[in-house]
Protein backbone atom coordinates (compact mmCIF):
# COMPACT_ATOMS: atom_id res chain seq x y z
CA MET A 1 99.62 117.91 73.34
CA GLU A 2 99.82 114.19 73.97
CA SER A 3 97.02 112.76 76.04
CA PHE A 4 97.55 112.26 79.74
CA GLY A 5 97.08 108.52 79.28
CA THR A 6 99.93 108.42 76.77
CA ARG A 7 102.25 110.45 79.00
CA LEU A 8 101.38 108.38 82.05
CA HIS A 9 101.93 105.10 80.21
CA ARG A 10 105.38 106.28 79.14
CA ALA A 11 106.29 107.64 82.59
CA MET A 12 105.34 104.38 84.27
CA ALA A 13 107.41 102.44 81.73
CA GLU A 14 110.45 104.70 82.12
CA ARG A 15 110.35 105.48 85.85
CA GLY A 16 108.24 102.66 87.20
CA PRO A 17 104.64 102.41 88.42
CA LEU A 18 104.80 104.59 91.51
CA CYS A 19 103.02 107.67 92.80
CA VAL A 20 104.26 109.48 95.90
CA GLY A 21 101.92 111.80 97.74
CA ILE A 22 103.05 115.06 99.31
CA ASP A 23 100.99 115.43 102.50
CA PRO A 24 102.71 118.09 104.65
CA HIS A 25 100.52 117.93 107.73
CA GLY A 26 101.70 119.48 110.97
CA ALA A 27 102.91 116.25 112.60
CA LEU A 28 105.08 115.42 109.61
CA LEU A 29 106.59 118.89 109.47
CA ASP A 30 107.41 118.53 113.16
CA ARG A 31 108.98 115.10 112.55
CA TRP A 32 111.25 116.76 109.98
CA GLY A 33 112.18 119.44 112.50
CA LEU A 34 110.32 122.11 110.55
CA PRO A 35 107.91 124.75 111.83
CA ASP A 36 104.24 124.28 111.05
CA ASP A 37 104.06 127.44 108.97
CA VAL A 38 104.59 128.59 105.39
CA THR A 39 108.37 128.53 105.78
CA GLY A 40 108.29 124.90 106.91
CA LEU A 41 105.80 124.05 104.16
CA ALA A 42 108.09 125.53 101.49
CA ARG A 43 111.21 123.77 102.78
CA PHE A 44 109.37 120.46 103.03
CA SER A 45 107.94 120.71 99.52
CA GLU A 46 111.20 121.81 97.95
CA THR A 47 113.05 118.92 99.57
CA VAL A 48 110.56 116.35 98.27
CA ALA A 49 110.63 117.88 94.79
CA GLU A 50 114.43 117.84 94.69
CA ALA A 51 114.61 114.27 96.01
CA LEU A 52 111.88 112.65 93.93
CA GLY A 53 110.88 114.92 91.05
CA ASP A 54 113.42 113.42 88.66
CA ARG A 55 112.83 109.74 89.53
CA VAL A 56 109.15 109.11 90.40
CA ALA A 57 106.55 108.82 87.64
CA VAL A 58 103.79 110.71 89.46
CA VAL A 59 103.84 113.03 92.47
CA LYS A 60 100.54 113.84 94.19
CA PRO A 61 100.42 116.99 96.33
CA GLN A 62 97.40 117.16 98.64
CA SER A 63 95.98 120.63 98.08
CA ALA A 64 94.36 120.95 101.51
CA PHE A 65 97.71 120.99 103.31
CA TYR A 66 98.67 124.05 101.26
CA GLU A 67 95.27 125.75 101.36
CA ARG A 68 95.33 125.79 105.16
CA PHE A 69 97.96 128.55 104.97
CA GLY A 70 95.84 130.72 102.67
CA SER A 71 97.29 132.62 99.73
CA ARG A 72 100.89 132.09 100.85
CA GLY A 73 100.32 128.37 100.99
CA LEU A 74 98.92 128.41 97.47
CA GLU A 75 102.04 130.26 96.33
CA VAL A 76 104.09 127.37 97.73
CA LEU A 77 101.82 124.90 95.91
CA GLU A 78 102.28 126.77 92.62
CA SER A 79 106.05 126.71 93.12
CA THR A 80 106.02 123.01 94.02
CA ILE A 81 104.02 122.17 90.90
CA ARG A 82 106.56 124.04 88.75
CA GLN A 83 109.52 122.31 90.41
CA LEU A 84 108.02 118.88 89.93
CA ARG A 85 107.09 119.47 86.30
CA ASP A 86 110.53 120.94 85.55
CA ALA A 87 112.06 117.76 86.99
CA GLY A 88 109.96 115.62 84.66
CA ALA A 89 107.37 114.20 87.08
CA LEU A 90 103.71 114.14 86.23
CA VAL A 91 101.73 116.11 88.81
CA LEU A 92 98.44 114.74 90.10
CA LEU A 93 96.82 117.32 92.34
CA ASP A 94 94.66 115.73 95.03
CA VAL A 95 91.74 118.15 95.31
CA LYS A 96 88.68 115.85 95.08
CA ARG A 97 86.57 118.63 93.60
CA GLY A 98 82.99 118.08 92.50
CA ASP A 99 80.13 120.45 91.70
CA ILE A 100 77.80 121.42 88.89
CA GLY A 101 77.58 123.91 86.06
CA SER A 102 79.76 127.00 86.09
CA THR A 103 81.42 125.99 89.36
CA VAL A 104 82.83 122.71 88.08
CA SER A 105 83.86 124.56 84.92
CA ALA A 106 85.79 126.99 87.10
CA TYR A 107 87.50 124.09 88.90
CA ALA A 108 88.43 122.66 85.52
CA ALA A 109 89.91 125.99 84.43
CA ALA A 110 91.82 126.32 87.70
CA TYR A 111 93.62 122.99 87.43
CA LEU A 112 93.44 121.69 83.86
CA ASP A 113 93.87 124.80 81.70
CA PRO A 114 97.53 125.57 80.86
CA SER A 115 96.91 129.30 81.41
CA SER A 116 96.33 128.73 85.14
CA PRO A 117 99.19 129.03 87.67
CA LEU A 118 97.80 125.85 89.29
CA TYR A 119 97.85 123.87 86.04
CA VAL A 120 98.69 120.20 86.60
CA ASP A 121 98.66 117.00 84.58
CA ALA A 122 95.67 115.52 86.40
CA ILE A 123 93.36 115.97 89.37
CA THR A 124 91.17 113.85 91.61
CA ALA A 125 87.42 114.44 91.53
CA SER A 126 84.30 113.42 93.45
CA PRO A 127 81.39 112.03 91.39
CA TYR A 128 78.67 112.19 94.03
CA LEU A 129 76.69 114.88 92.27
CA GLY A 130 76.56 112.46 89.37
CA VAL A 131 79.42 111.49 87.04
CA GLY A 132 77.82 113.63 84.33
CA SER A 133 78.27 116.72 86.51
CA LEU A 134 82.04 116.37 85.97
CA ALA A 135 81.71 116.72 82.19
CA PRO A 136 83.40 120.17 82.11
CA MET A 137 86.44 118.61 83.82
CA PHE A 138 86.50 115.76 81.31
CA ASP A 139 86.14 118.18 78.39
CA THR A 140 88.87 120.52 79.63
CA ALA A 141 91.18 117.60 80.32
CA ALA A 142 90.62 116.19 76.84
CA ALA A 143 91.23 119.59 75.23
CA HIS A 144 94.55 120.14 77.00
CA GLY A 145 95.95 116.65 77.43
CA GLY A 146 94.98 116.31 81.09
CA GLY A 147 93.55 113.55 83.23
CA VAL A 148 90.89 113.10 85.90
CA PHE A 149 90.87 110.38 88.58
CA VAL A 150 87.35 109.86 89.92
CA LEU A 151 86.63 108.40 93.36
CA ALA A 152 85.12 104.93 93.03
CA LEU A 153 85.98 102.58 95.90
CA THR A 154 87.72 104.34 98.76
CA SER A 155 89.40 102.92 101.85
CA ASN A 156 87.68 105.04 104.49
CA PRO A 157 85.20 103.03 106.61
CA GLU A 158 82.33 105.39 105.78
CA GLY A 159 82.72 104.86 102.04
CA PRO A 160 80.78 101.60 101.52
CA ALA A 161 77.55 103.09 102.90
CA VAL A 162 77.38 105.20 99.74
CA GLN A 163 79.59 103.37 97.28
CA HIS A 164 78.02 99.92 97.79
CA ALA A 165 74.44 101.17 97.75
CA ARG A 166 72.47 99.77 94.80
CA GLY A 167 70.42 101.63 92.25
CA ALA A 168 67.30 100.59 90.39
CA ASP A 169 69.32 98.62 87.83
CA GLY A 170 70.99 96.54 90.54
CA ARG A 171 74.44 98.06 90.12
CA THR A 172 76.21 99.63 93.06
CA VAL A 173 76.98 103.35 93.00
CA ALA A 174 80.66 102.47 92.64
CA GLN A 175 80.01 100.14 89.69
CA THR A 176 78.01 102.87 87.97
CA VAL A 177 80.97 105.24 88.38
CA ILE A 178 83.34 102.56 87.10
CA ASP A 179 81.19 101.87 84.04
CA GLU A 180 80.74 105.54 83.14
CA ILE A 181 84.48 106.24 83.37
CA SER A 182 85.15 103.13 81.30
CA GLN A 183 83.00 104.59 78.52
CA LEU A 184 85.18 107.71 78.40
CA ASN A 185 88.25 105.60 77.66
CA VAL A 186 86.83 103.50 74.82
CA GLY A 187 89.24 103.50 71.89
CA ALA A 188 92.07 105.29 73.68
CA GLU A 189 95.56 103.94 73.11
CA PRO A 190 97.74 102.95 74.86
CA LEU A 191 95.78 104.04 77.95
CA GLY A 192 92.80 106.26 78.59
CA SER A 193 93.16 109.57 80.42
CA PHE A 194 90.25 109.09 82.80
CA GLY A 195 90.98 107.02 85.85
CA LEU A 196 89.58 105.79 89.12
CA VAL A 197 90.63 105.98 92.75
CA VAL A 198 90.41 102.51 94.27
CA GLY A 199 91.83 102.02 97.76
CA ALA A 200 94.53 99.39 98.16
CA THR A 201 93.07 98.19 101.47
CA ILE A 202 89.47 97.49 100.42
CA GLY A 203 89.97 93.79 99.65
CA GLU A 204 87.75 91.83 97.28
CA THR A 205 84.53 93.77 96.69
CA GLY A 206 83.02 91.99 93.70
CA HIS A 207 83.21 95.04 91.45
CA ASP A 208 84.20 94.68 87.79
CA LEU A 209 87.23 96.80 86.87
CA SER A 210 88.12 94.83 83.75
CA ARG A 211 86.87 97.35 81.18
CA VAL A 212 88.23 100.60 82.63
CA HIS A 213 91.16 100.91 80.19
CA GLY A 214 92.38 103.86 82.22
CA PRO A 215 94.70 104.35 85.17
CA MET A 216 93.63 103.18 88.62
CA LEU A 217 95.21 105.05 91.51
CA ALA A 218 95.67 102.80 94.54
CA PRO A 219 96.26 104.87 97.70
CA GLY A 220 96.60 103.41 101.17
CA LEU A 221 99.89 101.56 100.79
CA GLY A 222 102.62 101.52 103.42
CA ALA A 223 101.89 103.40 106.64
CA GLN A 224 98.15 103.35 105.90
CA GLY A 225 98.10 99.57 106.18
CA GLY A 226 98.13 98.30 102.61
CA SER A 227 100.88 96.19 101.06
CA ALA A 228 101.84 95.67 97.44
CA ALA A 229 100.49 92.12 97.70
CA ASP A 230 97.03 93.55 98.37
CA LEU A 231 96.93 94.93 94.83
CA ARG A 232 96.20 91.47 93.42
CA THR A 233 93.31 91.03 95.84
CA VAL A 234 91.75 94.34 94.84
CA PHE A 235 92.49 94.46 91.11
CA GLY A 236 92.82 90.81 90.12
CA ARG A 237 95.34 89.53 87.61
CA ASP A 238 95.41 92.51 85.23
CA LEU A 239 97.55 95.10 86.99
CA THR A 240 98.92 96.91 83.95
CA ALA A 241 97.03 100.16 84.63
CA VAL A 242 97.39 100.19 88.41
CA LEU A 243 99.29 103.15 89.90
CA PRO A 244 100.26 102.36 93.52
CA SER A 245 100.46 105.42 95.77
CA TYR A 246 102.57 105.85 98.90
CA SER A 247 102.84 108.87 101.17
CA ARG A 248 103.95 108.57 104.80
CA GLU A 249 105.88 105.35 104.09
CA VAL A 250 108.22 107.44 101.92
CA LEU A 251 107.92 110.92 103.44
CA GLY A 252 108.65 109.65 106.93
CA HIS A 253 112.28 109.13 105.90
CA GLY A 254 112.92 112.86 105.30
CA PRO A 255 114.35 115.38 105.42
CA ASP A 256 117.42 113.47 104.18
CA ARG A 257 117.12 113.42 100.37
CA SER A 258 119.05 110.19 99.99
CA ALA A 259 116.80 108.49 102.51
CA LEU A 260 113.71 109.73 100.65
CA ARG A 261 115.06 108.34 97.38
CA ALA A 262 115.90 105.03 99.01
CA ALA A 263 112.42 104.75 100.52
CA ALA A 264 110.82 105.47 97.13
CA ASP A 265 113.07 102.87 95.51
CA ARG A 266 112.01 100.26 98.09
CA ALA A 267 108.35 101.04 97.55
CA LEU A 268 108.79 100.73 93.79
CA ALA A 269 110.65 97.42 94.15
CA ASP A 270 107.82 96.05 96.31
CA CYS A 271 105.27 97.08 93.69
CA ARG A 272 107.28 95.72 90.78
CA ALA A 273 107.51 92.34 92.50
CA VAL A 274 103.72 92.15 92.24
CA LEU A 275 102.93 94.17 89.12
CA ASP A 276 105.56 92.49 86.94
CA ARG A 277 103.79 89.18 87.55
CA ALA A 278 100.48 90.52 86.20
CA GLY A 279 98.52 87.89 84.35
CA GLU A 280 100.06 84.89 86.12
């Protein structure tokens, strides 16, 4: 199988650099006129998949909003993953898993092994038990053409207390994560399969992202306060590997499928206006 980096690079070129999150929380289901139950969850997810699965490069379901309904919610998640993949979208499952030993190996098997019903193209992961603890995820991803996006610089106000703390070598925790992920992508062409999560609203932090050579997911755009123009502030002039991510800004226009498509198109146009000027 082609590497995730190769597939992502092609998808972004063909469909545009845009990720749309599926975050079916209760308030959003209510806004759509849907019940906050498994039936509403299924209708919501199917509508998003039908509207965006054949036009957006990456779709990012948030696993927690499915898990809250137990096994029936996971059935809806499995179905949503299949629908999105059948429509040609890459599926990035937002699970933020992180553990050690056999447990992280089990997480890797659950999401990155093609034999699993929850198999996706890539997942998010937490490195705060040490980046090396995620090695089974990296190995499974590499074996099956998958990807892993590791939290590095997040937008939540609590994040800097940990991420900006400095180690004995003077680097911040976040820079250590950035550097270790960069090493995993050395020599990959056209793009590495191991990425970072860097919030679009964090501003200039002084961290060096220039050697990552992998995708950088930028959540926080739209309703969460970030704008496409903020991408230059966060990532600098080289924006070729940046994957902007919108959720409520797009989903809030449902349940009308045409309105969802139009909202995604506007978000993509806003991002292109910035990303296409990379290097200027």
